[in-house]
C-alpha atoms as a PDB file:
ATOM      1  CA  MET A   1     -27.453  99.126  26.683  1.00  0.00           C
ATOM      2  CA  SER A   2     -28.492  99.939  30.320  1.00  0.00           C
ATOM      3  CA  ASP A   3     -26.397 103.548  31.895  1.00  0.00           C
ATOM      4  CA  THR A   4     -24.914 101.177  34.296  1.00  0.00           C
ATOM      5  CA  ALA A   5     -22.807  98.742  31.869  1.00  0.00           C
ATOM      6  CA  ALA A   6     -21.933 101.594  29.780  1.00  0.00           C
ATOM      7  CA  ASN A   7     -19.990 103.340  32.608  1.00  0.00           C
ATOM      8  CA  THR A   8     -18.777 100.122  34.050  1.00  0.00           C
ATOM      9  CA  PRO A   9     -14.701 101.094  34.195  1.00  0.00           C
ATOM     10  CA  VAL A  10     -12.739  98.450  31.682  1.00  0.00           C
ATOM     11  CA  ASN A  11     -12.318  94.925  33.087  1.00  0.00           C
ATOM     12  CA  ASN A  12     -14.343  95.983  36.403  1.00  0.00           C
ATOM     13  CA  LEU A  13     -11.033  96.214  38.136  1.00  0.00           C
ATOM     14  CA  GLY A  14     -10.126  99.861  37.513  1.00  0.00           C
ATOM     15  CA  ASN A  15      -6.459 100.283  37.408  1.00  0.00           C
ATOM     16  CA  ASP A  16      -5.392  96.502  37.521  1.00  0.00           C
ATOM     17  CA  ARG A  17      -5.582  95.545  34.088  1.00  0.00           C
ATOM     18  CA  SER A  18      -3.014  92.000  33.501  1.00  0.00           C
ATOM     19  CA  ARG A  19       0.314  92.603  31.327  1.00  0.00           C
ATOM     20  CA  THR A  20      -1.499  91.089  28.444  1.00  0.00           C
ATOM     21  CA  HIS A  21      -4.484  93.485  28.221  1.00  0.00           C
ATOM     22  CA  GLY A  22      -4.027  95.520  24.803  1.00  0.00           C
ATOM     23  CA  LYS A  23      -2.138  92.906  23.309  1.00  0.00           C
ATOM     24  CA  PHE A  24      -2.584  92.322  19.780  1.00  0.00           C
ATOM     25  CA  ILE A  25      -2.681  88.447  19.930  1.00  0.00           C
ATOM     26  CA  TRP A  26      -4.112  87.530  16.297  1.00  0.00           C
ATOM     27  CA  CYS A  27      -5.256  87.962  13.078  1.00  0.00           C
ATOM     28  CA  GLU A  28      -8.141  86.819  10.992  1.00  0.00           C
ATOM     29  CA  LEU A  29      -8.649  86.919   6.997  1.00  0.00           C
ATOM     30  CA  MET A  30     -12.118  87.157   5.686  1.00  0.00           C
ATOM     31  CA  THR A  31     -12.079  86.525   2.357  1.00  0.00           C
ATOM     32  CA  SER A  32     -14.657  84.699  -0.447  1.00  0.00           C
ATOM     33  CA  ASP A  33     -12.453  82.452  -1.272  1.00  0.00           C
ATOM     34  CA  THR A  34     -10.979  80.135   1.324  1.00  0.00           C
ATOM     35  CA  GLN A  35      -8.925  77.970  -0.639  1.00  0.00           C
ATOM     36  CA  ALA A  36      -7.114  80.325  -3.576  1.00  0.00           C
ATOM     37  CA  ALA A  37      -6.557  82.488  -0.551  1.00  0.00           C
ATOM     38  CA  GLY A  38      -4.607  79.808   1.302  1.00  0.00           C
ATOM     39  CA  ARG A  39      -2.453  78.890  -1.810  1.00  0.00           C
ATOM     40  CA  PHE A  40      -1.848  82.668  -2.320  1.00  0.00           C
ATOM     41  CA  TYR A  41      -0.656  83.281   1.400  1.00  0.00           C
ATOM     42  CA  GLY A  42       0.765  80.096   1.392  1.00  0.00           C
ATOM     43  CA  ASP A  43       3.176  80.933  -1.662  1.00  0.00           C
ATOM     44  CA  VAL A  44       3.626  84.804  -0.165  1.00  0.00           C
ATOM     45  CA  VAL A  45       4.070  84.217   2.996  1.00  0.00           C
ATOM     46  CA  GLY A  46       4.832  80.650   3.787  1.00  0.00           C
ATOM     47  CA  TRP A  47       1.631  79.607   6.060  1.00  0.00           C
ATOM     48  CA  LYS A  48       0.710  76.302   6.492  1.00  0.00           C
ATOM     49  CA  THR A  49      -2.958  76.302   6.494  1.00  0.00           C
ATOM     50  CA  LYS A  50      -5.126  73.645   8.271  1.00  0.00           C
ATOM     51  CA  GLU A  51      -9.010  73.142   8.587  1.00  0.00           C
ATOM     52  CA  LEU A  52     -10.887  72.880  12.016  1.00  0.00           C
ATOM     53  CA  GLN A  53     -14.251  71.884  12.357  1.00  0.00           C
ATOM     54  CA  MET A  54     -16.070  73.143  15.301  1.00  0.00           C
ATOM     55  CA  PRO A  55     -19.490  71.574  16.152  1.00  0.00           C
ATOM     56  CA  GLY A  56     -22.787  74.339  14.676  1.00  0.00           C
ATOM     57  CA  MET A  57     -19.868  76.568  12.796  1.00  0.00           C
ATOM     58  CA  PRO A  58     -18.703  76.628   9.247  1.00  0.00           C
ATOM     59  CA  PRO A  59     -15.176  76.014   9.172  1.00  0.00           C
ATOM     60  CA  TYR A  60     -11.815  77.499  10.152  1.00  0.00           C
ATOM     61  CA  HIS A  61      -8.937  77.729   8.790  1.00  0.00           C
ATOM     62  CA  LEU A  62      -5.362  78.413  10.894  1.00  0.00           C
ATOM     63  CA  PHE A  63      -2.029  80.365   9.254  1.00  0.00           C
ATOM     64  CA  GLU A  64       0.683  77.995  10.861  1.00  0.00           C
ATOM     65  CA  ILE A  65       4.243  78.835  10.654  1.00  0.00           C
ATOM     66  CA  GLY A  66       6.954  76.152  10.965  1.00  0.00           C
ATOM     67  CA  GLU A  67       7.216  72.208  10.695  1.00  0.00           C
ATOM     68  CA  GLY A  68       5.549  69.816  13.444  1.00  0.00           C
ATOM     69  CA  GLU A  69       1.587  68.957  15.005  1.00  0.00           C
ATOM     70  CA  ASN A  70       2.036  71.808  17.565  1.00  0.00           C
ATOM     71  CA  CYS A  71       3.791  74.759  15.559  1.00  0.00           C
ATOM     72  CA  PRO A  72       2.370  78.581  16.426  1.00  0.00           C
ATOM     73  CA  GLY A  73      -0.720  79.858  14.490  1.00  0.00           C
ATOM     74  CA  ILE A  74      -0.303  83.594  13.476  1.00  0.00           C
ATOM     75  CA  GLY A  75      -3.863  84.131  12.177  1.00  0.00           C
ATOM     76  CA  GLY A  76      -7.141  82.570  11.154  1.00  0.00           C
ATOM     77  CA  MET A  77      -9.193  82.791   7.830  1.00  0.00           C
ATOM     78  CA  MET A  78     -12.673  82.243   7.349  1.00  0.00           C
ATOM     79  CA  ASP A  79     -15.735  83.247   4.310  1.00  0.00           C
ATOM     80  CA  VAL A  80     -17.123  85.989   4.782  1.00  0.00           C
ATOM     81  CA  PRO A  81     -20.695  85.221   6.232  1.00  0.00           C
ATOM     82  CA  ALA A  82     -23.781  84.533   3.717  1.00  0.00           C
ATOM     83  CA  GLU A  83     -25.600  87.812   5.683  1.00  0.00           C
ATOM     84  CA  LEU A  84     -22.444  90.440   4.898  1.00  0.00           C
ATOM     85  CA  SER A  85     -21.804  88.819   1.445  1.00  0.00           C
ATOM     86  CA  GLY A  86     -22.116  91.845  -0.480  1.00  0.00           C
ATOM     87  CA  LYS A  87     -21.767  94.296   1.908  1.00  0.00           C
ATOM     88  CA  LEU A  88     -18.418  93.337   3.535  1.00  0.00           C
ATOM     89  CA  PRO A  89     -15.221  93.200   1.091  1.00  0.00           C
ATOM     90  CA  PRO A  90     -12.422  90.813   1.816  1.00  0.00           C
ATOM     91  CA  ASN A  91     -10.674  91.975   4.591  1.00  0.00           C
ATOM     92  CA  TRP A  92      -8.206  91.352   7.487  1.00  0.00           C
ATOM     93  CA  THR A  93      -8.773  92.539  11.151  1.00  0.00           C
ATOM     94  CA  GLY A  94      -6.818  92.297  14.207  1.00  0.00           C
ATOM     95  CA  TYR A  95      -7.806  90.832  17.474  1.00  0.00           C
ATOM     96  CA  VAL A  96      -6.767  92.563  20.831  1.00  0.00           C
ATOM     97  CA  ALA A  97      -6.241  90.797  23.881  1.00  0.00           C
ATOM     98  CA  VAL A  98      -8.513  92.685  27.191  1.00  0.00           C
ATOM     99  CA  ASP A  99      -9.085  91.541  30.695  1.00  0.00           C
ATOM    100  CA  ASP A 100     -13.103  91.824  30.408  1.00  0.00           C
ATOM    101  CA  VAL A 101     -14.661  91.737  27.051  1.00  0.00           C
ATOM    102  CA  ASP A 102     -17.953  92.874  27.845  1.00  0.00           C
ATOM    103  CA  ALA A 103     -16.629  95.765  29.828  1.00  0.00           C
ATOM    104  CA  THR A 104     -13.947  96.904  27.122  1.00  0.00           C
ATOM    105  CA  ALA A 105     -16.848  97.339  24.081  1.00  0.00           C
ATOM    106  CA  ALA A 106     -19.124  99.142  26.736  1.00  0.00           C
ATOM    107  CA  GLN A 107     -15.997 101.246  26.797  1.00  0.00           C
ATOM    108  CA  PHE A 108     -15.384 101.571  23.428  1.00  0.00           C
ATOM    109  CA  GLU A 109     -19.227 102.972  23.090  1.00  0.00           C
ATOM    110  CA  ARG A 110     -19.178 104.915  26.346  1.00  0.00           C
ATOM    111  CA  LEU A 111     -15.904 106.693  24.182  1.00  0.00           C
ATOM    112  CA  GLY A 112     -17.798 107.226  21.046  1.00  0.00           C
ATOM    113  CA  GLY A 113     -17.386 103.758  19.504  1.00  0.00           C
ATOM    114  CA  ARG A 114     -19.462 101.147  18.331  1.00  0.00           C
ATOM    115  CA  ILE A 115     -19.972  97.715  19.102  1.00  0.00           C
ATOM    116  CA  GLU A 116     -20.331  95.967  15.431  1.00  0.00           C
ATOM    117  CA  ARG A 117     -20.950  92.642  16.962  1.00  0.00           C
ATOM    118  CA  ALA A 118     -22.153  91.986  20.779  1.00  0.00           C
ATOM    119  CA  PRO A 119     -19.883  90.223  23.419  1.00  0.00           C
ATOM    120  CA  ASP A 120     -20.322  86.036  22.705  1.00  0.00           C
ATOM    121  CA  ASP A 121     -18.286  83.483  23.140  1.00  0.00           C
ATOM    122  CA  ILE A 122     -16.565  80.844  21.181  1.00  0.00           C
ATOM    123  CA  PRO A 123     -16.381  77.669  22.747  1.00  0.00           C
ATOM    124  CA  ASN A 124     -12.948  76.413  24.000  1.00  0.00           C
ATOM    125  CA  VAL A 125     -11.589  79.362  22.283  1.00  0.00           C
ATOM    126  CA  GLY A 126     -12.814  82.437  24.792  1.00  0.00           C
ATOM    127  CA  ARG A 127     -14.864  85.199  24.791  1.00  0.00           C
ATOM    128  CA  PHE A 128     -14.650  88.209  21.761  1.00  0.00           C
ATOM    129  CA  ALA A 129     -16.620  91.117  19.909  1.00  0.00           C
ATOM    130  CA  VAL A 130     -16.199  93.179  17.338  1.00  0.00           C
ATOM    131  CA  VAL A 131     -16.076  96.791  18.308  1.00  0.00           C
ATOM    132  CA  ALA A 132     -15.244 100.271  15.998  1.00  0.00           C
ATOM    133  CA  ASP A 133     -13.026 103.125  17.384  1.00  0.00           C
ATOM    134  CA  PRO A 134     -14.513 106.610  17.044  1.00  0.00           C
ATOM    135  CA  HIS A 135     -13.288 107.143  13.442  1.00  0.00           C
ATOM    136  CA  GLY A 136     -15.059 103.907  12.355  1.00  0.00           C
ATOM    137  CA  ALA A 137     -11.645 101.869  12.134  1.00  0.00           C
ATOM    138  CA  VAL A 138     -12.294  97.800  13.243  1.00  0.00           C
ATOM    139  CA  LEU A 139     -11.089  95.442  15.418  1.00  0.00           C
ATOM    140  CA  CYS A 140     -11.872  92.175  17.518  1.00  0.00           C
ATOM    141  CA  ILE A 141     -11.280  92.322  20.984  1.00  0.00           C
ATOM    142  CA  MET A 142     -11.022  89.148  23.144  1.00  0.00           C
ATOM    143  CA  ALA A 143     -10.358  87.009  26.341  1.00  0.00           C
ATOM    144  CA  PRO A 144      -8.847  84.096  25.303  1.00  0.00           C
ATOM    145  CA  LEU A 145      -9.396  81.085  27.341  1.00  0.00           C
ATOM    146  CA  PRO A 146      -5.982  79.311  27.847  1.00  0.00           C
ATOM    147  CA  PRO A 147      -5.419  76.295  25.401  1.00  0.00           C
ATOM    148  CA  GLU A 148      -4.772  72.565  26.455  1.00  0.00           C
ATOM    149  CA  ASN A 149      -1.870  72.281  24.060  1.00  0.00           C
ATOM    150  CA  ALA A 150      -0.076  75.911  23.878  1.00  0.00           C
ATOM    151  CA  PRO A 151       2.029  76.136  20.786  1.00  0.00           C
ATOM    152  CA  ARG A 152       5.289  77.335  21.153  1.00  0.00           C
ATOM    153  CA  GLU A 153       6.061  81.675  21.220  1.00  0.00           C
ATOM    154  CA  PRO A 154       6.342  82.579  17.716  1.00  0.00           C
ATOM    155  CA  VAL A 155       9.844  84.626  17.825  1.00  0.00           C
ATOM    156  CA  ALA A 156       9.618  88.253  17.110  1.00  0.00           C
ATOM    157  CA  GLY A 157      10.398  88.992  13.532  1.00  0.00           C
ATOM    158  CA  GLU A 158      10.198  85.375  12.192  1.00  0.00           C
ATOM    159  CA  PRO A 159       9.153  84.986   8.706  1.00  0.00           C
ATOM    160  CA  GLY A 160       5.386  84.683   9.001  1.00  0.00           C
ATOM    161  CA  THR A 161       4.619  86.334  11.862  1.00  0.00           C
ATOM    162  CA  VAL A 162       2.728  89.864  11.923  1.00  0.00           C
ATOM    163  CA  GLY A 163       5.587  92.589  12.372  1.00  0.00           C
ATOM    164  CA  TRP A 164       3.901  95.513  12.592  1.00  0.00           C
ATOM    165  CA  ARG A 165       0.058  97.354  13.047  1.00  0.00           C
ATOM    166  CA  GLU A 166      -0.946 100.250  11.157  1.00  0.00           C
ATOM    167  CA  LEU A 167      -4.061 102.559  11.766  1.00  0.00           C
ATOM    168  CA  TYR A 168      -5.156 105.520   9.373  1.00  0.00           C
ATOM    169  CA  ALA A 169      -7.300 107.383  11.667  1.00  0.00           C
ATOM    170  CA  GLY A 170      -9.902 109.854  11.260  1.00  0.00           C
ATOM    171  CA  ASN A 171      -7.115 111.859  13.399  1.00  0.00           C
ATOM    172  CA  GLY A 172      -3.959 110.447  14.697  1.00  0.00           C
ATOM    173  CA  ASP A 173      -4.026 112.519  17.990  1.00  0.00           C
ATOM    174  CA  GLU A 174      -7.392 111.502  19.010  1.00  0.00           C
ATOM    175  CA  ALA A 175      -7.264 108.083  18.207  1.00  0.00           C
ATOM    176  CA  PHE A 176      -4.348 107.896  20.518  1.00  0.00           C
ATOM    177  CA  ASP A 177      -5.624 109.639  23.120  1.00  0.00           C
ATOM    178  CA  PHE A 178      -8.753 106.711  22.474  1.00  0.00           C
ATOM    179  CA  TYR A 179      -6.553 103.805  22.472  1.00  0.00           C
ATOM    180  CA  ALA A 180      -4.397 104.403  25.151  1.00  0.00           C
ATOM    181  CA  GLU A 181      -7.532 104.908  27.655  1.00  0.00           C
ATOM    182  CA  VAL A 182      -9.088 101.725  26.601  1.00  0.00           C
ATOM    183  CA  PHE A 183      -5.904  99.799  26.013  1.00  0.00           C
ATOM    184  CA  GLY A 184      -3.017 101.434  27.900  1.00  0.00           C
ATOM    185  CA  TRP A 185      -1.132 101.666  25.227  1.00  0.00           C
ATOM    186  CA  THR A 186       1.954 104.568  25.413  1.00  0.00           C
ATOM    187  CA  LYS A 187       3.981 106.626  22.987  1.00  0.00           C
ATOM    188  CA  HIS A 188       7.080 105.175  21.878  1.00  0.00           C
ATOM    189  CA  HIS A 189       8.116 108.054  19.545  1.00  0.00           C
ATOM    190  CA  ASP A 190       6.587 110.744  16.720  1.00  0.00           C
ATOM    191  CA  PHE A 191       8.347 110.535  13.317  1.00  0.00           C
ATOM    192  CA  ASP A 192       7.899 113.751  10.868  1.00  0.00           C
ATOM    193  CA  MET A 193       6.640 112.242   7.613  1.00  0.00           C
ATOM    194  CA  GLY A 194       7.629 115.572   5.904  1.00  0.00           C
ATOM    195  CA  PRO A 195       7.581 118.820   5.858  1.00  0.00           C
ATOM    196  CA  PRO A 196       5.392 121.194   6.879  1.00  0.00           C
ATOM    197  CA  GLY A 197       2.907 121.952   4.104  1.00  0.00           C
ATOM    198  CA  SER A 198       3.493 118.255   2.700  1.00  0.00           C
ATOM    199  CA  GLY A 199       0.184 116.937   4.065  1.00  0.00           C
ATOM    200  CA  LEU A 200       1.723 113.611   5.577  1.00  0.00           C
ATOM    201  CA  GLY A 201       1.631 115.327   9.325  1.00  0.00           C
ATOM    202  CA  VAL A 202       2.835 113.144  12.041  1.00  0.00           C
ATOM    203  CA  TYR A 203       3.390 109.439  12.480  1.00  0.00           C
ATOM    204  CA  ARG A 204       3.053 108.208  16.239  1.00  0.00           C
ATOM    205  CA  ILE A 205       5.010 104.484  17.079  1.00  0.00           C
ATOM    206  CA  PHE A 206       2.862 103.092  20.256  1.00  0.00           C
ATOM    207  CA  ALA A 207       4.059 100.996  22.440  1.00  0.00           C
ATOM    208  CA  HIS A 208       2.183  97.812  24.476  1.00  0.00           C
ATOM    209  CA  GLN A 209       4.318  97.383  28.006  1.00  0.00           C
ATOM    210  CA  GLY A 210       7.348  99.428  26.607  1.00  0.00           C
ATOM    211  CA  GLU A 211       7.576  97.493  23.333  1.00  0.00           C
ATOM    212  CA  ALA A 212       6.817  98.923  20.007  1.00  0.00           C
ATOM    213  CA  ILE A 213       4.053  97.509  18.073  1.00  0.00           C
ATOM    214  CA  GLY A 214       2.793  99.124  15.864  1.00  0.00           C
ATOM    215  CA  GLY A 215       2.153 102.980  14.198  1.00  0.00           C
ATOM    216  CA  MET A 216      -0.979 105.319  13.583  1.00  0.00           C
ATOM    217  CA  MET A 217      -1.221 108.649  11.692  1.00  0.00           C
ATOM    218  CA  THR A 218      -4.192 110.847  10.344  1.00  0.00           C
ATOM    219  CA  ARG A 219      -5.601 109.222   7.028  1.00  0.00           C
ATOM    220  CA  PRO A 220      -4.496 110.467   3.907  1.00  0.00           C
ATOM    221  CA  PRO A 221      -7.249 111.629   1.419  1.00  0.00           C
ATOM    222  CA  THR A 222      -5.673 108.637  -1.063  1.00  0.00           C
ATOM    223  CA  VAL A 223      -7.377 106.637   2.201  1.00  0.00           C
ATOM    224  CA  PRO A 224     -11.093 107.025   2.414  1.00  0.00           C
ATOM    225  CA  VAL A 225     -12.154 105.452   5.503  1.00  0.00           C
ATOM    226  CA  ALA A 226     -10.283 104.914   9.056  1.00  0.00           C
ATOM    227  CA  CYS A 227      -8.401 101.761   9.030  1.00  0.00           C
ATOM    228  CA  TRP A 228      -6.304  98.972  10.100  1.00  0.00           C
ATOM    229  CA  SER A 229      -3.264  97.470   8.235  1.00  0.00           C
ATOM    230  CA  TYR A 230      -1.264  94.609   8.792  1.00  0.00           C
ATOM    231  CA  TYR A 231       2.301  93.954   8.238  1.00  0.00           C
ATOM    232  CA  PHE A 232       3.751  90.464   7.553  1.00  0.00           C
ATOM    233  CA  ASN A 233       7.312  89.465   7.907  1.00  0.00           C
ATOM    234  CA  VAL A 234       9.032  87.598   4.899  1.00  0.00           C
ATOM    235  CA  GLU A 235      13.026  87.705   4.124  1.00  0.00           C
ATOM    236  CA  ALA A 236      12.708  89.799   1.387  1.00  0.00           C
ATOM    237  CA  ILE A 237      10.586  92.224  -0.071  1.00  0.00           C
ATOM    238  CA  ASP A 238      11.387  91.947  -4.188  1.00  0.00           C
ATOM    239  CA  ALA A 239      11.112  88.099  -3.704  1.00  0.00           C
ATOM    240  CA  ALA A 240       7.954  88.494  -2.167  1.00  0.00           C
ATOM    241  CA  ILE A 241       6.660  90.683  -5.140  1.00  0.00           C
ATOM    242  CA  GLY A 242       7.343  88.399  -7.317  1.00  0.00           C
ATOM    243  CA  ARG A 243       5.074  85.983  -5.394  1.00  0.00           C
ATOM    244  CA  ILE A 244       2.272  88.404  -5.045  1.00  0.00           C
ATOM    245  CA  THR A 245       1.883  89.295  -8.763  1.00  0.00           C
ATOM    246  CA  ALA A 246       2.694  85.488  -9.803  1.00  0.00           C
ATOM    247  CA  GLY A 247      -0.414  84.554  -7.925  1.00  0.00           C
ATOM    248  CA  GLY A 248      -2.892  86.911  -8.804  1.00  0.00           C
ATOM    249  CA  GLY A 249      -2.302  89.814  -6.394  1.00  0.00           C
ATOM    250  CA  ALA A 250      -1.625  93.260  -7.034  1.00  0.00           C
ATOM    251  CA  ILE A 251       0.774  96.228  -5.739  1.00  0.00           C
ATOM    252  CA  VAL A 252      -0.835  98.591  -3.774  1.00  0.00           C
ATOM    253  CA  ASN A 253       2.759 100.836  -2.766  1.00  0.00           C
ATOM    254  CA  GLY A 254       6.355 100.069  -3.019  1.00  0.00           C
ATOM    255  CA  PRO A 255       8.781  99.155  -2.013  1.00  0.00           C
ATOM    256  CA  MET A 256       9.549 101.490   0.094  1.00  0.00           C
ATOM    257  CA  GLU A 257      12.619 101.765   2.199  1.00  0.00           C
ATOM    258  CA  VAL A 258      11.306 102.654   5.885  1.00  0.00           C
ATOM    259  CA  PRO A 259      12.937 103.620   9.287  1.00  0.00           C
ATOM    260  CA  GLY A 260      14.343 100.640  10.987  1.00  0.00           C
ATOM    261  CA  ASP A 261      16.138  99.523   7.992  1.00  0.00           C
ATOM    262  CA  SER A 262      13.507  97.546   6.521  1.00  0.00           C
ATOM    263  CA  TRP A 263      11.411  97.623   3.520  1.00  0.00           C
ATOM    264  CA  ILE A 264       7.528  97.244   2.737  1.00  0.00           C
ATOM    265  CA  VAL A 265       5.145  96.375   0.678  1.00  0.00           C
ATOM    266  CA  GLN A 266       1.420  97.119   0.646  1.00  0.00           C
ATOM    267  CA  ALA A 267      -0.760  95.003  -2.092  1.00  0.00           C
ATOM    268  CA  THR A 268      -4.347  93.246  -2.296  1.00  0.00           C
ATOM    269  CA  ASP A 269      -4.835  89.385  -2.812  1.00  0.00           C
ATOM    270  CA  PRO A 270      -6.557  87.915  -5.184  1.00  0.00           C
ATOM    271  CA  GLN A 271      -9.984  88.238  -3.836  1.00  0.00           C
ATOM    272  CA  GLY A 272      -9.091  92.420  -2.544  1.00  0.00           C
ATOM    273  CA  ALA A 273      -8.485  92.078   0.947  1.00  0.00           C
ATOM    274  CA  PHE A 274      -5.749  94.958   1.461  1.00  0.00           C
ATOM    275  CA  PHE A 275      -2.098  93.728   3.154  1.00  0.00           C
ATOM    276  CA  CYS A 276       0.949  94.518   3.776  1.00  0.00           C
ATOM    277  CA  LEU A 277       4.893  92.963   3.858  1.00  0.00           C
ATOM    278  CA  VAL A 278       7.512  93.929   5.971  1.00  0.00           C
ATOM    279  CA  ALA A 279      11.448  92.267   5.158  1.00  0.00           C
ATOM    280  CA  PRO A 280      14.980  93.134   6.818  1.00  0.00           C
ATOM    281  CA  LYS A 281      15.998  93.576   3.192  1.00  0.00           C
ATOM    282  CA  ARG A 282      15.167  94.589  -0.323  1.00  0.00           C
END
């Protein structure tokens, strides 16, 4: 990459970012068995699965909620690419909207992150890139094209939607400063997770356009690498735990009550992808 590209300001517009720059817009599962994963998440979270065929591309599956032909798409699913088989385990990745994919990818690199997959176009969908922050946590960035027939916006907290995003960072303070510069995220508030010496540290709630959308913390020793995780809304945690275990998944942590009168559980699906659930009641 040229020095000129590496020093290009994000979106080439200085501070004139749109209101969608820095907004999480999609969640994507790469898995070793799309059919089995579709059945599992359909039972656990309540998603419908719809297969899309795009010329020259492998099949892509949409996760949708609600009824009808134009219901909201919450995320997508695809097979782990053949060239990454055995190297990349099944995983969930979030997509963040940006005004300029190429400039934002260059900014990730300039600030100490990496470009994992160079900017590219998805016909009739948008331009995207796969990037990693300075501690190695991976995200996708995207400048989406306006859909011809946009589905309705899901209601916040609606079962099946993404309710929270969480970053286990190499260093929580450094990670927040990085994302604040790149995406414009702001500090909502800090939550002390334990007394001095407990090793739990501070959990920072971050916001986009004033709305709290996730949290980040320095990863504990039990988390081997910096990574993002995603919480999907369900109606009740205990019932969802029963569906996870009945479907062949495994509980990693929880159930646990968290601030905001919510309950969470962290789990892995039958193919090994890590995911989380959040509910307003046990």
